Each structure stands twice: as C-alpha cells, then as structure tokens.
Amino acid sequence: MPEQEDKYSFWTKYKRFAGTEILLYLVMVIGIVLGIVIFSYL
C-alpha cells in the first residue's frame, strides 16, 4: 500500500511540472537538431 501512495504523490507533484518539462525537452531537441544542421553545413 505505501508504494501506491508514493506513486500517487509522485504523479500529483509531477503534473505541475509536466508542461515545463515538455517545453524544456522540446527546446533541447530543437537546439540539438539546429546544432547538427549548422555544423553539417560549416
């Protein structure tokens, strides 16, 4: 039972930051792709 409570509290805390996490990962991926494109054309 304690494991389920931990998972529940984890997900309720994570939902607050899910939006910013997705934005951070998108920025990271876009930055990496742009870096690869720029360095491949140099």
C-alpha atoms as a PDB file:
ATOM      1  CA  MET A   1       0.000   0.000   0.000  1.00  0.00           C
ATOM      2  CA  PRO A   2       2.731   2.592   0.776  1.00  0.00           C
ATOM      3  CA  GLU A   3       4.135   2.082  -2.724  1.00  0.00           C
ATOM      4  CA  GLN A   4       0.836   3.153  -4.299  1.00  0.00           C
ATOM      5  CA  GLU A   5       0.742   6.259  -2.121  1.00  0.00           C
ATOM      6  CA  ASP A   6       4.291   7.159  -3.179  1.00  0.00           C
ATOM      7  CA  LYS A   7       3.404   6.748  -6.842  1.00  0.00           C
ATOM      8  CA  TYR A   8       0.250   8.844  -6.394  1.00  0.00           C
ATOM      9  CA  SER A   9       2.108  11.672  -4.657  1.00  0.00           C
ATOM     10  CA  PHE A  10       4.847  11.473  -7.294  1.00  0.00           C
ATOM     11  CA  TRP A  11       2.364  11.839 -10.146  1.00  0.00           C
ATOM     12  CA  THR A  12       0.439  14.677  -8.470  1.00  0.00           C
ATOM     13  CA  LYS A  13       3.709  16.563  -7.938  1.00  0.00           C
ATOM     14  CA  TYR A  14       4.919  15.738 -11.456  1.00  0.00           C
ATOM     15  CA  LYS A  15       1.755  17.011 -13.156  1.00  0.00           C
ATOM     16  CA  ARG A  16       2.629  20.561 -12.068  1.00  0.00           C
ATOM     17  CA  PHE A  17       5.977  20.412 -13.852  1.00  0.00           C
ATOM     18  CA  ALA A  18       4.924  18.222 -16.809  1.00  0.00           C
ATOM     19  CA  GLY A  19       4.253  21.230 -19.051  1.00  0.00           C
ATOM     20  CA  THR A  20       7.587  22.896 -18.346  1.00  0.00           C
ATOM     21  CA  GLU A  21       9.397  19.538 -18.677  1.00  0.00           C
ATOM     22  CA  ILE A  22       7.904  19.019 -22.153  1.00  0.00           C
ATOM     23  CA  LEU A  23       8.890  22.560 -23.137  1.00  0.00           C
ATOM     24  CA  LEU A  24      12.451  22.012 -21.870  1.00  0.00           C
ATOM     25  CA  TYR A  25      12.769  18.754 -23.818  1.00  0.00           C
ATOM     26  CA  LEU A  26      11.382  20.413 -26.975  1.00  0.00           C
ATOM     27  CA  VAL A  27      13.891  23.270 -26.653  1.00  0.00           C
ATOM     28  CA  MET A  28      16.698  20.751 -26.108  1.00  0.00           C
ATOM     29  CA  VAL A  29      15.725  18.657 -29.151  1.00  0.00           C
ATOM     30  CA  ILE A  30      15.312  21.734 -31.370  1.00  0.00           C
ATOM     31  CA  GLY A  31      18.677  23.064 -30.201  1.00  0.00           C
ATOM     32  CA  ILE A  32      20.426  19.753 -30.914  1.00  0.00           C
ATOM     33  CA  VAL A  33      18.840  19.481 -34.378  1.00  0.00           C
ATOM     34  CA  LEU A  34      19.748  23.083 -35.218  1.00  0.00           C
ATOM     35  CA  GLY A  35      23.295  22.484 -33.986  1.00  0.00           C
ATOM     36  CA  ILE A  36      23.672  19.382 -36.160  1.00  0.00           C
ATOM     37  CA  VAL A  37      22.280  21.203 -39.219  1.00  0.00           C
ATOM     38  CA  ILE A  38      24.510  24.252 -38.682  1.00  0.00           C
ATOM     39  CA  PHE A  39      27.679  22.197 -38.101  1.00  0.00           C
ATOM     40  CA  SER A  40      26.939  19.917 -41.053  1.00  0.00           C
ATOM     41  CA  TYR A  41      26.861  22.949 -43.384  1.00  0.00           C
ATOM     42  CA  LEU A  42      30.018  24.600 -41.984  1.00  0.00           C
END
